[in-house]
Every structure is written in C-alpha cells, then in structure tokens.
C-alpha cells in the first residue's frame, strides 16, 4: 500500500498559531516535533521510503523538504495551487495511476493525533487486504465521544466482518459537518461515527469514482494524466486551476453507491486537531487541578478549564476565566470561549476582507 500524507492545508481554525506561510502541520502543537514529522514517523517502521508520499502545494514544498529531507523528491507530489481535497486527492490519484494503478493507497491527514500507532497500522493492513479481495473503497471511522459540528459523520449498517478484533461495517451514508443539534442526534442514534478521513482505494478506482460522481473534475484529471505523460507542466497547471474548489466529501463520498464502501471501526486513540477546544480535550492528561492546559508561562487566579497557549519569555496572567482559549503569538492574541473555537475561521476571513494580510 502507498501512504499519501496530505500536507497542503491552511489550518485557519488554528489561527493565530497557524499562518499562511506556516500552517499547523508545520508547527509543534502537541509534541516538540511538527505534526507533519510526527505523521511521517508513524509509517517508517512498516513501509519502505519509496511507498510514502507527501502531497502539498508549491507554497509549502520547501517546508516539506526541510522538515523531511529523507523523502525522495519524486515522492513529493506538488499541487499547482490550493483547490481543496477533491482536486488534491484526484491529482494524487492521477500521479499514482501512472506508477501502479492497481496498488492500494491511503490518504493520511498530516494534522491528526494517533495514540496507538501499532493498532492503526494493523487497520491499514487489513484494509489493504479487503481492497485487493473485494475491490471496495475502505475508510476508517471513530466512535464519537461528544457532538461536534466541525467533523463529518459516517453512518454504519450491519457488521460485514469481524476478525482479530477488527470490525468492518457496511456503509449507509456520510454527512459532512452537520449542525450541532444534528450532531447530538447522531451521537444518540449510536450508529454514526466520526469520519476520520482515511480514504483507501486504488488510483484506478478513485479515478473511476471521479468519472462517475464528479465528471466536471474528472475531465480535467484526464487531461492532466495525458499532460503528465508528456511532461507538459503548462497543461498540468492550466487544467488543475480549472477544477472546482470542493472537498472530496461533498464531491464524491456523499454521492457514492453505498455498496462500494466499507467502514472499519477505529479504536486507536484518534483526534482531529482542528480547533483549539479539541486540542484542550486532547491534552487533558497534562491539565492542572483546575483542568487548565498550559503551554508557555502563566499565572492565574480563579481560572478553570482553559487552554493557555503562549511562548517563552512572556507571561500570561488571567483572573476569573472559565472554559476559555487564550493564544498569544508575536503579533496576535486570540481570546475566545472554547465552544466558539471553530469560529476562528470567521476571524481569518474577516482579516482577509479588511486587508490585514500581515496578520495571516
């Protein structure tokens, strides 16, 4: 199986730590190493170097090469520009279809936390076996422990297979980022799991799905494949820039024939570190007696359930705060309730609208 690490995102909900020139996958958020380095290192013991690919944009190619100099240049797939996951993943499938169209591949987000790496690898290996045997798309979904409007939800049906502690279910549908009220309903229903974004299939099968469910994107991918064969970079760029900006969830997954997909239930300590409140939940083991998670220098009184994220050499002081996020960087300070963390993306859009790009 080919491992494809997606490292082209902007991480706007992690502003002000995540910036246009250094989004969160290149930052040290949970560990001392960057999230991209942590993601890459999960696979080095089980997959040879030539089976691990990085998908990124031109803006971040040098950052990837600097952090991961051991990755061969040919294994860094560079998108001409950022156009969301449907274009990015289709572009990767186009590239790998020229190498080995029948070899299973998995897309791995570079900004996820995984606790039990060995168990995670076992699930990928099982998925590879099922793809080769049954030809179905495989995905991993995780049992939710709280309602979130920032994540996608996968509805599972009957048990398809259970072996060696691995459960595979039939796929009943996918809903991307529902309302909070709807997310609560999904939690109560019991047959909805968090969509963890580990799509697995062969390059040929992915491209066939684009042709069937997103022909407006596939027409450009088809021309890109022809251009790649000819080393025609101009045509590659031209066709890529014409593809719709849309996530693969909306473009493909929500439309797919349910019989073509199987879902592995994931139980390996997973978190999509997408917002500051999720980071607080992930770092609760480090919390003090008042459930505060502190990174940096801080002193406080009557402060509970807060995430305080600062830097060395500058003190953050708080009084009477509860359930808040405080993130201090060199040129920007964020203060918001934890429950409003996903709205940080709105602030980023406002900064763009107000032409305050120096803070982005």
Protein backbone atom coordinates (compact mmCIF):
# COMPACT_ATOMS: atom_id res chain seq x y z
CA UNK A 1 0.00 0.00 0.00
CA UNK A 2 1.17 3.53 -0.81
CA UNK A 3 0.95 6.05 2.03
CA UNK A 4 -0.04 9.56 0.93
CA UNK A 5 0.31 12.24 3.61
CA UNK A 6 -1.77 15.33 2.88
CA UNK A 7 0.18 18.43 3.86
CA UNK A 8 -1.30 21.26 1.81
CA UNK A 9 -3.97 22.59 4.17
CA UNK A 10 -4.09 26.06 5.68
CA UNK A 11 -5.38 25.26 9.19
CA UNK A 12 -7.29 28.53 9.51
CA UNK A 13 -9.16 27.45 12.65
CA UNK A 14 -5.79 27.25 14.43
CA UNK A 15 -5.01 30.93 13.89
CA UNK A 16 -3.02 32.77 15.21
CA UNK A 17 -0.52 29.91 15.61
CA UNK A 18 -1.31 28.59 12.12
CA UNK A 19 -0.42 31.09 9.38
CA UNK A 20 -0.42 31.17 5.59
CA UNK A 21 3.35 30.74 5.48
CA UNK A 22 3.44 28.14 8.27
CA UNK A 23 0.14 26.30 8.74
CA UNK A 24 -0.38 23.97 11.68
CA UNK A 25 1.09 20.84 10.05
CA UNK A 26 4.48 22.55 10.14
CA UNK A 27 4.08 23.72 13.74
CA UNK A 28 4.86 21.93 17.01
CA UNK A 29 1.48 21.78 18.71
CA UNK A 30 1.34 18.59 20.79
CA UNK A 31 4.92 17.35 20.66
CA UNK A 32 8.24 19.11 20.13
CA UNK A 33 8.34 17.92 16.53
CA UNK A 34 5.98 19.29 13.90
CA UNK A 35 2.71 17.48 13.20
CA UNK A 36 4.00 16.56 9.74
CA UNK A 37 7.12 14.93 11.18
CA UNK A 38 5.04 13.00 13.72
CA UNK A 39 2.73 11.78 10.96
CA UNK A 40 5.60 10.65 8.73
CA UNK A 41 7.33 8.80 11.54
CA UNK A 42 4.26 6.61 12.16
CA UNK A 43 4.99 4.73 8.96
CA UNK A 44 8.76 4.41 8.68
CA UNK A 45 8.94 1.09 10.54
CA UNK A 46 6.32 -0.64 8.39
CA UNK A 47 6.64 0.91 4.92
CA UNK A 48 9.74 1.50 2.76
CA UNK A 49 10.64 5.09 1.93
CA UNK A 50 9.56 4.75 -1.70
CA UNK A 51 6.00 3.87 -0.56
CA UNK A 52 5.50 7.09 1.44
CA UNK A 53 4.38 10.18 -0.49
CA UNK A 54 3.72 13.76 0.58
CA UNK A 55 1.01 15.80 -1.14
CA UNK A 56 1.43 19.54 -0.74
CA UNK A 57 1.28 22.84 -2.62
CA UNK A 58 4.07 24.82 -4.22
CA UNK A 59 3.95 27.28 -1.34
CA UNK A 60 4.91 24.55 1.12
CA UNK A 61 7.24 22.36 -0.96
CA UNK A 62 10.40 23.83 0.56
CA UNK A 63 8.99 23.50 4.08
CA UNK A 64 8.24 19.81 3.45
CA UNK A 65 11.73 19.20 2.05
CA UNK A 66 13.32 20.95 5.01
CA UNK A 67 11.38 19.00 7.63
CA UNK A 68 11.59 15.67 5.79
CA UNK A 69 14.86 15.65 3.82
CA UNK A 70 14.74 11.84 3.72
CA UNK A 71 11.70 11.87 1.40
CA UNK A 72 12.76 11.39 -2.25
CA UNK A 73 11.95 14.38 -4.44
CA UNK A 74 9.81 12.19 -6.71
CA UNK A 75 7.67 11.28 -3.70
CA UNK A 76 6.62 14.89 -3.07
CA UNK A 77 3.53 15.47 -5.20
CA UNK A 78 3.14 19.23 -5.62
CA UNK A 79 -0.26 20.70 -6.48
CA UNK A 80 -0.06 23.77 -8.72
CA UNK A 81 -2.25 25.66 -6.24
CA UNK A 82 -4.58 25.03 -3.30
CA UNK A 83 -8.03 23.89 -4.51
CA UNK A 84 -9.38 21.75 -1.61
CA UNK A 85 -9.30 17.99 -1.17
CA UNK A 86 -11.28 16.83 -4.22
CA UNK A 87 -8.72 18.39 -6.57
CA UNK A 88 -5.72 17.49 -4.40
CA UNK A 89 -6.65 13.83 -3.94
CA UNK A 90 -7.68 13.44 -7.56
CA UNK A 91 -4.32 14.89 -8.57
CA UNK A 92 -2.50 12.33 -6.39
CA UNK A 93 -4.58 9.51 -7.88
CA UNK A 94 -3.65 10.76 -11.35
CA UNK A 95 0.07 10.70 -10.47
CA UNK A 96 0.00 7.27 -8.86
CA UNK A 97 -2.13 5.82 -11.66
CA UNK A 98 0.95 6.23 -13.85
CA UNK A 99 3.11 4.28 -11.37
CA UNK A 100 0.80 1.44 -10.35
CA UNK A 101 -2.93 1.95 -10.95
CA UNK A 102 -3.90 -1.24 -9.05
CA UNK A 103 -1.79 -0.67 -5.92
CA UNK A 104 -3.95 0.32 -2.90
CA UNK A 105 -3.29 3.76 -1.46
CA UNK A 106 -4.38 5.58 1.68
CA UNK A 107 -4.74 9.31 2.26
CA UNK A 108 -3.38 10.37 5.66
CA UNK A 109 -4.08 13.88 7.02
CA UNK A 110 -0.92 15.43 8.44
CA UNK A 111 -2.68 17.13 11.37
CA UNK A 112 -4.27 14.19 13.21
CA UNK A 113 -3.23 12.70 16.54
CA UNK A 114 -2.99 8.92 16.87
CA UNK A 115 -2.17 7.29 20.20
CA UNK A 116 -1.92 3.57 19.34
CA UNK A 117 0.12 3.59 16.13
CA UNK A 118 0.56 -0.21 16.02
CA UNK A 119 -3.20 -0.75 16.07
CA UNK A 120 -3.68 1.93 13.43
CA UNK A 121 -1.17 0.21 11.13
CA UNK A 122 -2.98 -3.12 11.61
CA UNK A 123 -6.21 -1.49 10.40
CA UNK A 124 -4.46 -0.15 7.30
CA UNK A 125 -3.02 -3.58 6.55
CA UNK A 126 -6.46 -5.17 6.92
CA UNK A 127 -7.98 -2.53 4.65
CA UNK A 128 -5.36 -3.28 2.01
CA UNK A 129 -6.33 -6.96 2.08
CA UNK A 130 -10.03 -6.14 1.68
CA UNK A 131 -9.38 -3.75 -1.21
CA UNK A 132 -7.41 -6.41 -3.06
CA UNK A 133 -10.02 -9.08 -2.33
CA UNK A 134 -13.32 -7.19 -2.72
CA UNK A 135 -12.39 -4.05 -4.68
CA UNK A 136 -14.29 -1.72 -2.35
CA UNK A 137 -13.27 1.68 -1.01
CA UNK A 138 -12.24 1.44 2.63
CA UNK A 139 -12.49 4.17 5.21
CA UNK A 140 -11.92 4.42 8.94
CA UNK A 141 -14.48 5.96 11.27
CA UNK A 142 -14.09 6.56 15.00
CA UNK A 143 -16.58 6.21 17.84
CA UNK A 144 -17.51 9.79 18.86
CA UNK A 145 -17.38 10.87 22.49
CA UNK A 146 -19.02 14.28 22.11
CA UNK A 147 -21.12 16.08 19.46
CA UNK A 148 -19.09 18.24 17.10
CA UNK A 149 -20.24 20.41 14.22
CA UNK A 150 -16.67 20.59 12.92
CA UNK A 151 -16.41 16.92 11.89
CA UNK A 152 -18.05 14.64 9.34
CA UNK A 153 -20.21 11.70 10.38
CA UNK A 154 -20.34 8.24 8.81
CA UNK A 155 -23.48 6.13 9.25
CA UNK A 156 -22.73 2.42 9.53
CA UNK A 157 -25.02 -0.52 8.88
CA UNK A 158 -24.70 -4.25 9.54
CA UNK A 159 -21.44 -5.88 10.52
CA UNK A 160 -19.63 -7.06 7.38
CA UNK A 161 -16.72 -8.84 9.03
CA UNK A 162 -15.16 -9.23 12.46
CA UNK A 163 -11.76 -10.87 12.77
CA UNK A 164 -8.81 -10.48 15.13
CA UNK A 165 -10.55 -7.67 16.93
CA UNK A 166 -11.11 -5.63 13.75
CA UNK A 167 -14.72 -4.73 12.92
CA UNK A 168 -15.78 -3.81 9.38
CA UNK A 169 -19.26 -2.42 8.72
CA UNK A 170 -21.44 -1.71 5.74
CA UNK A 171 -21.67 1.93 4.74
CA UNK A 172 -25.03 3.72 4.93
CA UNK A 173 -24.07 7.31 4.24
CA UNK A 174 -21.97 10.33 5.11
CA UNK A 175 -22.84 13.82 6.35
CA UNK A 176 -20.12 16.46 6.37
CA UNK A 177 -20.11 18.99 9.24
CA UNK A 178 -23.76 18.87 10.36
CA UNK A 179 -25.35 21.40 12.70
CA UNK A 180 -24.62 20.95 16.40
CA UNK A 181 -28.22 19.85 17.01
CA UNK A 182 -27.95 17.23 14.27
CA UNK A 183 -24.59 16.07 15.65
CA UNK A 184 -26.27 15.47 19.03
CA UNK A 185 -28.91 13.36 17.27
CA UNK A 186 -26.19 11.30 15.59
CA UNK A 187 -24.48 10.64 18.93
CA UNK A 188 -27.76 9.48 20.45
CA UNK A 189 -28.55 7.25 17.45
CA UNK A 190 -25.44 5.17 18.12
CA UNK A 191 -24.75 4.14 14.50
CA UNK A 192 -22.91 7.31 13.45
CA UNK A 193 -19.15 7.51 13.76
CA UNK A 194 -16.74 10.37 13.30
CA UNK A 195 -15.36 10.37 9.79
CA UNK A 196 -11.57 10.22 10.20
CA UNK A 197 -10.65 10.96 6.55
CA UNK A 198 -8.50 7.89 5.86
CA UNK A 199 -9.75 7.10 2.35
CA UNK A 200 -8.29 3.89 0.89
CA UNK A 201 -8.65 2.51 -2.63
CA UNK A 202 -6.59 2.07 -5.77
CA UNK A 203 -5.69 5.02 -8.03
CA UNK A 204 -7.73 3.48 -10.85
CA UNK A 205 -10.78 3.06 -8.61
CA UNK A 206 -10.51 6.62 -7.30
CA UNK A 207 -10.39 7.98 -10.84
CA UNK A 208 -13.36 5.83 -11.85
CA UNK A 209 -15.31 7.34 -8.92
CA UNK A 210 -14.42 10.86 -10.10
CA UNK A 211 -15.59 9.98 -13.60
CA UNK A 212 -18.90 8.71 -12.24
CA UNK A 213 -19.71 11.18 -9.45
CA UNK A 214 -17.71 14.29 -10.32
CA UNK A 215 -17.30 14.32 -14.12
CA UNK A 216 -16.70 18.09 -14.07
CA UNK A 217 -13.49 17.37 -12.12
CA UNK A 218 -12.60 14.17 -13.93
CA UNK A 219 -12.48 15.86 -17.33
CA UNK A 220 -9.54 17.92 -16.06
CA UNK A 221 -7.87 14.94 -14.36
CA UNK A 222 -8.00 13.03 -17.63
CA UNK A 223 -6.18 15.86 -19.41
CA UNK A 224 -3.70 16.13 -16.54
CA UNK A 225 -2.80 12.44 -16.90
CA UNK A 226 -2.12 12.98 -20.59
CA UNK A 227 -0.02 16.05 -19.79
CA UNK A 228 1.95 14.20 -17.09
CA UNK A 229 2.89 11.51 -19.59
CA UNK A 230 4.30 14.22 -21.85
CA UNK A 231 5.96 16.22 -19.02
CA UNK A 232 3.78 19.12 -20.12
CA UNK A 233 3.81 21.23 -16.94
CA UNK A 234 1.96 24.11 -18.56
CA UNK A 235 -1.06 21.96 -19.40
CA UNK A 236 -0.98 20.34 -15.95
CA UNK A 237 -1.15 23.74 -14.28
CA UNK A 238 -3.79 25.01 -16.68
CA UNK A 239 -6.14 22.06 -16.14
CA UNK A 240 -5.59 21.89 -12.39
CA UNK A 241 -6.55 25.51 -11.91
CA UNK A 242 -9.87 24.87 -13.65
CA UNK A 243 -11.01 22.25 -11.14
CA UNK A 244 -13.75 23.16 -8.70
CA UNK A 245 -12.75 24.08 -5.16
CA UNK A 246 -14.67 21.49 -3.15
CA UNK A 247 -13.91 18.79 -0.59
CA UNK A 248 -13.90 15.16 -1.65
CA UNK A 249 -16.63 14.54 0.94
CA UNK A 250 -19.11 16.71 -0.98
CA UNK A 251 -17.81 15.88 -4.46
CA UNK A 252 -17.59 12.09 -4.13
CA UNK A 253 -18.36 10.44 -0.79
CA UNK A 254 -21.89 11.76 -0.26
CA UNK A 255 -22.85 10.56 -3.76
CA UNK A 256 -21.22 7.13 -3.80
CA UNK A 257 -23.02 3.84 -4.19
CA UNK A 258 -23.15 2.59 -0.61
CA UNK A 259 -22.33 -0.94 -1.72
CA UNK A 260 -18.93 0.23 -2.94
CA UNK A 261 -17.74 1.34 0.51
CA UNK A 262 -16.86 -0.47 3.74
CA UNK A 263 -16.07 1.17 7.08
CA UNK A 264 -13.51 -0.01 9.63
CA UNK A 265 -14.34 1.00 13.18
CA UNK A 266 -11.29 2.78 14.55
CA UNK A 267 -10.28 2.44 18.18
CA UNK A 268 -6.70 3.65 18.41
CA UNK A 269 -6.88 6.98 20.22
CA UNK A 270 -7.69 9.42 17.42
CA UNK A 271 -8.25 13.14 17.35
CA UNK A 272 -8.60 15.63 14.52
CA UNK A 273 -6.66 18.52 16.00
CA UNK A 274 -8.73 21.02 14.07
CA UNK A 275 -9.71 23.59 16.68
CA UNK A 276 -8.34 24.93 19.95
CA UNK A 277 -11.04 23.31 22.09
CA UNK A 278 -10.23 19.91 20.58
CA UNK A 279 -6.58 20.48 21.47
CA UNK A 280 -7.64 21.16 25.07
CA UNK A 281 -9.54 17.87 25.12
CA UNK A 282 -6.55 16.05 23.65
CA UNK A 283 -4.16 17.42 26.28
CA UNK A 284 -6.36 16.83 29.34
CA UNK A 285 -3.76 14.41 30.73
CA UNK A 286 -1.48 17.45 31.13
CA UNK A 287 -4.15 19.60 32.79
CA UNK A 288 -3.67 21.06 36.27
CA UNK A 289 -6.06 20.53 39.19
CA UNK A 290 -8.43 23.14 37.71
CA UNK A 291 -8.46 21.47 34.28
CA UNK A 292 -6.29 24.15 32.69
CA UNK A 293 -3.93 23.12 29.90
CA UNK A 294 -0.92 25.40 29.85
CA UNK A 295 1.77 25.82 27.21
CA UNK A 296 4.12 28.69 27.99
CA UNK A 297 4.47 30.94 31.05
CA UNK A 298 1.28 31.60 33.01
CA UNK A 299 -0.05 32.69 36.37
CA UNK A 300 -3.73 32.77 37.21
CA UNK A 301 -6.39 33.05 39.87
CA UNK A 302 -9.90 31.65 39.73
CA UNK A 303 -9.17 30.22 36.25
CA UNK A 304 -10.66 26.87 35.24
CA UNK A 305 -11.00 24.64 32.15
CA UNK A 306 -8.91 26.97 29.99
CA UNK A 307 -6.33 26.45 27.27
CA UNK A 308 -3.49 28.93 27.69
CA UNK A 309 -1.02 28.81 24.80
CA UNK A 310 1.85 31.26 24.98
CA UNK A 311 5.57 31.47 24.39
CA UNK A 312 8.71 31.53 26.46
CA UNK A 313 9.76 34.90 27.81
CA UNK A 314 6.26 36.39 28.04
CA UNK A 315 3.94 35.89 30.99
CA UNK A 316 0.19 35.37 30.52
CA UNK A 317 -1.92 36.26 33.57
CA UNK A 318 -5.63 35.50 33.96
CA UNK A 319 -8.26 36.17 36.61
CA UNK A 320 -11.79 34.79 36.70
CA UNK A 321 -11.72 32.90 33.39
CA UNK A 322 -13.65 29.69 32.75
CA UNK A 323 -13.71 27.49 29.66
CA UNK A 324 -11.71 29.92 27.56
CA UNK A 325 -8.95 29.81 24.94
CA UNK A 326 -6.05 32.25 25.16
CA UNK A 327 -3.40 32.01 22.42
CA UNK A 328 -0.58 34.54 22.34
CA UNK A 329 1.91 34.88 19.47
CA UNK A 330 4.43 37.53 18.44
CA UNK A 331 1.91 39.70 16.60
CA UNK A 332 -1.57 38.46 17.52
CA UNK A 333 -3.59 37.48 20.58
CA UNK A 334 -6.71 35.29 20.46
CA UNK A 335 -9.24 35.14 23.31
CA UNK A 336 -12.49 33.21 22.88
CA UNK A 337 -14.79 30.73 24.63
CA UNK A 338 -13.79 27.14 23.91
CA UNK A 339 -17.22 26.49 22.43
CA UNK A 340 -16.59 29.18 19.80
CA UNK A 341 -13.19 27.85 18.68
CA UNK A 342 -14.42 26.78 15.27
CA UNK A 343 -15.44 30.40 14.61
CA UNK A 344 -11.76 31.37 14.46
CA UNK A 345 -12.04 30.64 10.75
CA UNK A 346 -14.51 33.55 10.50
CA UNK A 347 -11.90 35.87 12.01
CA UNK A 348 -9.40 34.80 9.38
CA UNK A 349 -11.93 35.60 6.65
CA UNK A 350 -12.56 39.00 8.26
CA UNK A 351 -8.82 39.74 8.31
CA UNK A 352 -8.70 38.93 4.60
CA UNK A 353 -11.70 41.16 3.90
CA UNK A 354 -10.20 44.01 5.91
CA UNK A 355 -6.90 43.64 4.00
CA UNK A 356 -4.89 42.88 7.14
CA UNK A 357 -2.82 40.21 5.42
CA UNK A 358 0.23 40.85 7.61
CA UNK A 359 -1.58 39.01 10.40
CA UNK A 360 -2.37 36.00 8.24
